[in-house]
């Protein structure tokens, strides 16, 4: 009709970019949760034995104190 495809419209491009950004954010959050689930149970006891406090560990790993306390 106008000689353009759906993929060439601004609406399509903006919707696609928004979808990609949402997917990236979800992927990062999933990765963070997986890293936390795998790493904290192993590393927290070791760091506590070395003298670090729960608060210091939480701060270093950028997680909630409650997340660290689970593995105390």
PDB file of N, CA and C in Angstrom:
ATOM      1  N   UNK A   1       0.820  -1.190   0.000  1.00  0.00           N
ATOM      2  CA  UNK A   1       0.000   0.000   0.000  1.00  0.00           C
ATOM      3  C   UNK A   1       0.866   1.256   0.000  1.00  0.00           C
ATOM      4  N   UNK A   2       1.669   1.460   1.043  1.00  0.00           N
ATOM      5  CA  UNK A   2       2.551   2.609   1.089  1.00  0.00           C
ATOM      6  C   UNK A   2       3.976   2.251   0.679  1.00  0.00           C
ATOM      7  N   UNK A   3       4.221   1.020   0.437  1.00  0.00           N
ATOM      8  CA  UNK A   3       5.538   0.593   0.010  1.00  0.00           C
ATOM      9  C   UNK A   3       6.508   0.345   1.157  1.00  0.00           C
ATOM     10  N   UNK A   4       6.000   0.198   2.409  1.00  0.00           N
ATOM     11  CA  UNK A   4       6.871  -0.112   3.544  1.00  0.00           C
ATOM     12  C   UNK A   4       6.349  -1.364   4.240  1.00  0.00           C
ATOM     13  N   UNK A   5       7.242  -2.053   4.872  1.00  0.00           N
ATOM     14  CA  UNK A   5       6.842  -3.251   5.599  1.00  0.00           C
ATOM     15  C   UNK A   5       6.636  -2.888   7.064  1.00  0.00           C
ATOM     16  N   UNK A   6       6.020  -3.783   7.784  1.00  0.00           N
ATOM     17  CA  UNK A   6       5.791  -3.583   9.213  1.00  0.00           C
ATOM     18  C   UNK A   6       7.113  -3.357   9.944  1.00  0.00           C
ATOM     19  N   UNK A   7       8.128  -4.123   9.554  1.00  0.00           N
ATOM     20  CA  UNK A   7       9.429  -4.035  10.210  1.00  0.00           C
ATOM     21  C   UNK A   7      10.088  -2.678  10.025  1.00  0.00           C
ATOM     22  N   UNK A   8       9.666  -1.925   9.034  1.00  0.00           N
ATOM     23  CA  UNK A   8      10.252  -0.611   8.764  1.00  0.00           C
ATOM     24  C   UNK A   8       9.570   0.522   9.525  1.00  0.00           C
ATOM     25  N   UNK A   9       8.472   0.239  10.218  1.00  0.00           N
ATOM     26  CA  UNK A   9       7.754   1.306  10.923  1.00  0.00           C
ATOM     27  C   UNK A   9       8.425   1.634  12.256  1.00  0.00           C
ATOM     28  N   UNK A  10       8.278   2.877  12.660  1.00  0.00           N
ATOM     29  CA  UNK A  10       8.848   3.321  13.936  1.00  0.00           C
ATOM     30  C   UNK A  10       8.217   2.559  15.096  1.00  0.00           C
ATOM     31  N   UNK A  11       6.914   2.325  15.038  1.00  0.00           N
ATOM     32  CA  UNK A  11       6.226   1.600  16.090  1.00  0.00           C
ATOM     33  C   UNK A  11       6.843   0.222  16.295  1.00  0.00           C
ATOM     34  N   UNK A  12       7.081  -0.481  15.189  1.00  0.00           N
ATOM     35  CA  UNK A  12       7.669  -1.817  15.262  1.00  0.00           C
ATOM     36  C   UNK A  12       9.069  -1.751  15.865  1.00  0.00           C
ATOM     37  N   UNK A  13       9.876  -0.811  15.413  1.00  0.00           N
ATOM     38  CA  UNK A  13      11.244  -0.680  15.897  1.00  0.00           C
ATOM     39  C   UNK A  13      11.272  -0.375  17.397  1.00  0.00           C
ATOM     40  N   UNK A  14      10.395   0.523  17.858  1.00  0.00           N
ATOM     41  CA  UNK A  14      10.338   0.862  19.284  1.00  0.00           C
ATOM     42  C   UNK A  14       9.861  -0.321  20.121  1.00  0.00           C
ATOM     43  N   UNK A  15       8.854  -1.032  19.639  1.00  0.00           N
ATOM     44  CA  UNK A  15       8.345  -2.205  20.359  1.00  0.00           C
ATOM     45  C   UNK A  15       9.408  -3.295  20.435  1.00  0.00           C
ATOM     46  N   UNK A  16      10.141  -3.479  19.346  1.00  0.00           N
ATOM     47  CA  UNK A  16      11.200  -4.485  19.326  1.00  0.00           C
ATOM     48  C   UNK A  16      12.307  -4.109  20.311  1.00  0.00           C
ATOM     49  N   UNK A  17      12.715  -2.847  20.317  1.00  0.00           N
ATOM     50  CA  UNK A  17      13.765  -2.391  21.238  1.00  0.00           C
ATOM     51  C   UNK A  17      13.319  -2.549  22.688  1.00  0.00           C
ATOM     52  N   UNK A  18      12.067  -2.233  22.962  1.00  0.00           N
ATOM     53  CA  UNK A  18      11.536  -2.374  24.317  1.00  0.00           C
ATOM     54  C   UNK A  18      11.521  -3.841  24.741  1.00  0.00           C
ATOM     55  N   UNK A  19      11.118  -4.716  23.848  1.00  0.00           N
ATOM     56  CA  UNK A  19      11.104  -6.151  24.143  1.00  0.00           C
ATOM     57  C   UNK A  19      12.501  -6.688  24.406  1.00  0.00           C
ATOM     58  N   UNK A  20      13.467  -6.246  23.617  1.00  0.00           N
ATOM     59  CA  UNK A  20      14.844  -6.674  23.818  1.00  0.00           C
ATOM     60  C   UNK A  20      15.377  -6.198  25.166  1.00  0.00           C
ATOM     61  N   UNK A  21      15.061  -4.968  25.542  1.00  0.00           N
ATOM     62  CA  UNK A  21      15.519  -4.423  26.829  1.00  0.00           C
ATOM     63  C   UNK A  21      14.893  -5.192  27.992  1.00  0.00           C
ATOM     64  N   UNK A  22      13.607  -5.490  27.898  1.00  0.00           N
ATOM     65  CA  UNK A  22      12.951  -6.268  28.945  1.00  0.00           C
ATOM     66  C   UNK A  22      13.563  -7.655  29.059  1.00  0.00           C
ATOM     67  N   UNK A  23      13.847  -8.278  27.935  1.00  0.00           N
ATOM     68  CA  UNK A  23      14.469  -9.597  27.934  1.00  0.00           C
ATOM     69  C   UNK A  23      15.856  -9.558  28.548  1.00  0.00           C
ATOM     70  N   UNK A  24      16.607  -8.510  28.266  1.00  0.00           N
ATOM     71  CA  UNK A  24      17.943  -8.361  28.835  1.00  0.00           C
ATOM     72  C   UNK A  24      17.866  -8.221  30.344  1.00  0.00           C
ATOM     73  N   UNK A  25      16.938  -7.404  30.813  1.00  0.00           N
ATOM     74  CA  UNK A  25      16.781  -7.204  32.263  1.00  0.00           C
ATOM     75  C   UNK A  25      16.380  -8.506  32.952  1.00  0.00           C
ATOM     76  N   UNK A  26      15.481  -9.253  32.337  1.00  0.00           N
ATOM     77  CA  UNK A  26      15.063 -10.531  32.920  1.00  0.00           C
ATOM     78  C   UNK A  26      16.226 -11.512  32.955  1.00  0.00           C
ATOM     79  N   UNK A  27      17.017 -11.526  31.902  1.00  0.00           N
ATOM     80  CA  UNK A  27      18.172 -12.412  31.853  1.00  0.00           C
ATOM     81  C   UNK A  27      19.199 -12.066  32.915  1.00  0.00           C
ATOM     82  N   UNK A  28      19.441 -10.791  33.118  1.00  0.00           N
ATOM     83  CA  UNK A  28      20.386 -10.361  34.143  1.00  0.00           C
ATOM     84  C   UNK A  28      19.896 -10.747  35.533  1.00  0.00           C
ATOM     85  N   UNK A  29      18.610 -10.576  35.768  1.00  0.00           N
ATOM     86  CA  UNK A  29      18.044 -10.921  37.075  1.00  0.00           C
ATOM     87  C   UNK A  29      18.117 -12.425  37.316  1.00  0.00           C
ATOM     88  N   UNK A  30      17.829 -13.221  36.292  1.00  0.00           N
ATOM     89  CA  UNK A  30      17.933 -14.673  36.429  1.00  0.00           C
ATOM     90  C   UNK A  30      19.375 -15.077  36.708  1.00  0.00           C
ATOM     91  N   UNK A  31      20.306 -14.463  36.024  1.00  0.00           N
ATOM     92  CA  UNK A  31      21.715 -14.766  36.233  1.00  0.00           C
ATOM     93  C   UNK A  31      22.178 -14.411  37.636  1.00  0.00           C
ATOM     94  N   UNK A  32      21.698 -13.278  38.140  1.00  0.00           N
ATOM     95  CA  UNK A  32      22.048 -12.854  39.496  1.00  0.00           C
ATOM     96  C   UNK A  32      21.513 -13.848  40.515  1.00  0.00           C
ATOM     97  N   UNK A  33      20.277 -14.266  40.338  1.00  0.00           N
ATOM     98  CA  UNK A  33      19.679 -15.222  41.268  1.00  0.00           C
ATOM     99  C   UNK A  33      20.397 -16.569  41.217  1.00  0.00           C
ATOM    100  N   UNK A  34      20.761 -16.995  40.024  1.00  0.00           N
ATOM    101  CA  UNK A  34      21.470 -18.268  39.885  1.00  0.00           C
ATOM    102  C   UNK A  34      22.847 -18.181  40.530  1.00  0.00           C
ATOM    103  N   UNK A  35      23.556 -17.072  40.298  1.00  0.00           N
ATOM    104  CA  UNK A  35      24.880 -16.887  40.891  1.00  0.00           C
ATOM    105  C   UNK A  35      24.780 -16.901  42.407  1.00  0.00           C
ATOM    106  N   UNK A  36      23.780 -16.207  42.918  1.00  0.00           N
ATOM    107  CA  UNK A  36      23.574 -16.155  44.365  1.00  0.00           C
ATOM    108  C   UNK A  36      23.292 -17.546  44.921  1.00  0.00           C
ATOM    109  N   UNK A  37      22.452 -18.309  44.244  1.00  0.00           N
ATOM    110  CA  UNK A  37      22.084 -19.647  44.721  1.00  0.00           C
ATOM    111  C   UNK A  37      23.262 -20.613  44.685  1.00  0.00           C
ATOM    112  N   UNK A  38      24.161 -20.439  43.724  1.00  0.00           N
ATOM    113  CA  UNK A  38      25.296 -21.343  43.602  1.00  0.00           C
ATOM    114  C   UNK A  38      26.490 -20.914  44.444  1.00  0.00           C
ATOM    115  N   UNK A  39      26.721 -19.626  44.532  1.00  0.00           N
ATOM    116  CA  UNK A  39      27.932 -19.116  45.161  1.00  0.00           C
ATOM    117  C   UNK A  39      27.809 -18.933  46.670  1.00  0.00           C
ATOM    118  N   UNK A  40      26.717 -18.359  47.113  1.00  0.00           N
ATOM    119  CA  UNK A  40      26.604 -18.032  48.542  1.00  0.00           C
ATOM    120  C   UNK A  40      26.716 -19.238  49.470  1.00  0.00           C
ATOM    121  N   UNK A  41      26.083 -20.372  49.175  1.00  0.00           N
ATOM    122  CA  UNK A  41      26.207 -21.502  50.106  1.00  0.00           C
ATOM    123  C   UNK A  41      27.654 -21.972  50.297  1.00  0.00           C
ATOM    124  N   UNK A  42      28.475 -21.780  49.304  1.00  0.00           N
ATOM    125  CA  UNK A  42      29.858 -22.224  49.371  1.00  0.00           C
ATOM    126  C   UNK A  42      30.747 -21.161  50.022  1.00  0.00           C
ATOM    127  N   UNK A  43      30.581 -19.924  49.606  1.00  0.00           N
ATOM    128  CA  UNK A  43      31.531 -18.880  49.991  1.00  0.00           C
ATOM    129  C   UNK A  43      31.231 -18.252  51.351  1.00  0.00           C
ATOM    130  N   UNK A  44      29.963 -18.167  51.736  1.00  0.00           N
ATOM    131  CA  UNK A  44      29.621 -17.505  53.006  1.00  0.00           C
ATOM    132  C   UNK A  44      30.295 -18.178  54.199  1.00  0.00           C
ATOM    133  N   UNK A  45      30.201 -19.501  54.372  1.00  0.00           N
ATOM    134  CA  UNK A  45      30.870 -20.112  55.524  1.00  0.00           C
ATOM    135  C   UNK A  45      32.379 -19.853  55.543  1.00  0.00           C
ATOM    136  N   UNK A  46      32.994 -19.866  54.361  1.00  0.00           N
ATOM    137  CA  UNK A  46      34.438 -19.616  54.290  1.00  0.00           C
ATOM    138  C   UNK A  46      34.780 -18.191  54.709  1.00  0.00           C
ATOM    139  N   UNK A  47      33.997 -17.245  54.238  1.00  0.00           N
ATOM    140  CA  UNK A  47      34.263 -15.850  54.580  1.00  0.00           C
ATOM    141  C   UNK A  47      33.983 -15.566  56.058  1.00  0.00           C
ATOM    142  N   UNK A  48      32.962 -16.212  56.603  1.00  0.00           N
ATOM    143  CA  UNK A  48      32.687 -16.037  58.029  1.00  0.00           C
ATOM    144  C   UNK A  48      33.840 -16.588  58.869  1.00  0.00           C
ATOM    145  N   UNK A  49      34.384 -17.740  58.456  1.00  0.00           N
ATOM    146  CA  UNK A  49      35.524 -18.320  59.170  1.00  0.00           C
ATOM    147  C   UNK A  49      36.750 -17.418  59.094  1.00  0.00           C
ATOM    148  N   UNK A  50      36.869 -16.688  58.001  1.00  0.00           N
ATOM    149  CA  UNK A  50      38.025 -15.807  57.842  1.00  0.00           C
ATOM    150  C   UNK A  50      37.879 -14.506  58.621  1.00  0.00           C
ATOM    151  N   UNK A  51      36.697 -14.295  59.210  1.00  0.00           N
ATOM    152  CA  UNK A  51      36.512 -13.122  60.055  1.00  0.00           C
ATOM    153  C   UNK A  51      35.624 -12.031  59.490  1.00  0.00           C
ATOM    154  N   UNK A  52      35.113 -12.207  58.295  1.00  0.00           N
ATOM    155  CA  UNK A  52      34.206 -11.193  57.738  1.00  0.00           C
ATOM    156  C   UNK A  52      32.857 -11.277  58.425  1.00  0.00           C
ATOM    157  N   UNK A  53      32.217 -10.135  58.565  1.00  0.00           N
ATOM    158  CA  UNK A  53      30.883 -10.118  59.159  1.00  0.00           C
ATOM    159  C   UNK A  53      29.836 -10.379  58.084  1.00  0.00           C
ATOM    160  N   UNK A  54      28.638 -10.725  58.525  1.00  0.00           N
ATOM    161  CA  UNK A  54      27.521 -10.962  57.611  1.00  0.00           C
ATOM    162  C   UNK A  54      27.256  -9.707  56.785  1.00  0.00           C
ATOM    163  N   UNK A  55      27.303  -8.565  57.433  1.00  0.00           N
ATOM    164  CA  UNK A  55      27.052  -7.290  56.757  1.00  0.00           C
ATOM    165  C   UNK A  55      28.110  -7.012  55.690  1.00  0.00           C
ATOM    166  N   UNK A  56      29.369  -7.299  56.001  1.00  0.00           N
ATOM    167  CA  UNK A  56      30.440  -7.083  55.026  1.00  0.00           C
ATOM    168  C   UNK A  56      30.275  -7.985  53.807  1.00  0.00           C
ATOM    169  N   UNK A  57      29.909  -9.222  54.058  1.00  0.00           N
ATOM    170  CA  UNK A  57      29.710 -10.170  52.957  1.00  0.00           C
ATOM    171  C   UNK A  57      28.547  -9.709  52.083  1.00  0.00           C
ATOM    172  N   UNK A  58      27.452  -9.318  52.712  1.00  0.00           N
ATOM    173  CA  UNK A  58      26.285  -8.847  51.965  1.00  0.00           C
ATOM    174  C   UNK A  58      26.656  -7.631  51.117  1.00  0.00           C
ATOM    175  N   UNK A  59      27.420  -6.745  51.679  1.00  0.00           N
ATOM    176  CA  UNK A  59      27.820  -5.546  50.953  1.00  0.00           C
ATOM    177  C   UNK A  59      28.732  -5.904  49.768  1.00  0.00           C
ATOM    178  N   UNK A  60      29.677  -6.779  49.977  1.00  0.00           N
ATOM    179  CA  UNK A  60      30.607  -7.160  48.919  1.00  0.00           C
ATOM    180  C   UNK A  60      29.905  -7.857  47.746  1.00  0.00           C
ATOM    181  N   UNK A  61      28.889  -8.654  48.058  1.00  0.00           N
ATOM    182  CA  UNK A  61      28.180  -9.384  47.011  1.00  0.00           C
ATOM    183  C   UNK A  61      26.908  -8.677  46.552  1.00  0.00           C
ATOM    184  N   UNK A  62      26.640  -7.510  47.155  1.00  0.00           N
ATOM    185  CA  UNK A  62      25.478  -6.709  46.792  1.00  0.00           C
ATOM    186  C   UNK A  62      24.175  -7.511  46.906  1.00  0.00           C
ATOM    187  N   UNK A  63      24.038  -8.179  48.050  1.00  0.00           N
ATOM    188  CA  UNK A  63      22.828  -8.951  48.345  1.00  0.00           C
ATOM    189  C   UNK A  63      22.310  -8.527  49.709  1.00  0.00           C
ATOM    190  N   UNK A  64      21.111  -8.929  50.016  1.00  0.00           N
ATOM    191  CA  UNK A  64      20.514  -8.609  51.306  1.00  0.00           C
ATOM    192  C   UNK A  64      21.201  -9.402  52.417  1.00  0.00           C
ATOM    193  N   UNK A  65      21.241  -8.813  53.585  1.00  0.00           N
ATOM    194  CA  UNK A  65      21.829  -9.476  54.758  1.00  0.00           C
ATOM    195  C   UNK A  65      21.118 -10.803  55.003  1.00  0.00           C
ATOM    196  N   UNK A  66      19.817 -10.837  54.788  1.00  0.00           N
ATOM    197  CA  UNK A  66      19.033 -12.059  55.002  1.00  0.00           C
ATOM    198  C   UNK A  66      19.517 -13.192  54.088  1.00  0.00           C
ATOM    199  N   UNK A  67      19.936 -12.839  52.872  1.00  0.00           N
ATOM    200  CA  UNK A  67      20.444 -13.855  51.946  1.00  0.00           C
ATOM    201  C   UNK A  67      21.715 -14.495  52.473  1.00  0.00           C
ATOM    202  N   UNK A  68      22.553 -13.695  53.122  1.00  0.00           N
ATOM    203  CA  UNK A  68      23.802 -14.204  53.675  1.00  0.00           C
ATOM    204  C   UNK A  68      23.527 -15.014  54.933  1.00  0.00           C
ATOM    205  N   UNK A  69      22.600 -14.539  55.745  1.00  0.00           N
ATOM    206  CA  UNK A  69      22.297 -15.201  57.018  1.00  0.00           C
ATOM    207  C   UNK A  69      21.783 -16.616  56.815  1.00  0.00           C
ATOM    208  N   UNK A  70      21.156 -16.885  55.678  1.00  0.00           N
ATOM    209  CA  UNK A  70      20.645 -18.239  55.396  1.00  0.00           C
ATOM    210  C   UNK A  70      21.757 -19.277  55.404  1.00  0.00           C
ATOM    211  N   UNK A  71      22.967 -18.859  55.089  1.00  0.00           N
ATOM    212  CA  UNK A  71      24.083 -19.800  54.940  1.00  0.00           C
ATOM    213  C   UNK A  71      25.075 -19.705  56.081  1.00  0.00           C
ATOM    214  N   UNK A  72      24.686 -19.091  57.149  1.00  0.00           N
ATOM    215  CA  UNK A  72      25.522 -18.926  58.333  1.00  0.00           C
ATOM    216  C   UNK A  72      25.782 -20.255  58.990  1.00  0.00           C
TER     217      UNK A  72
END
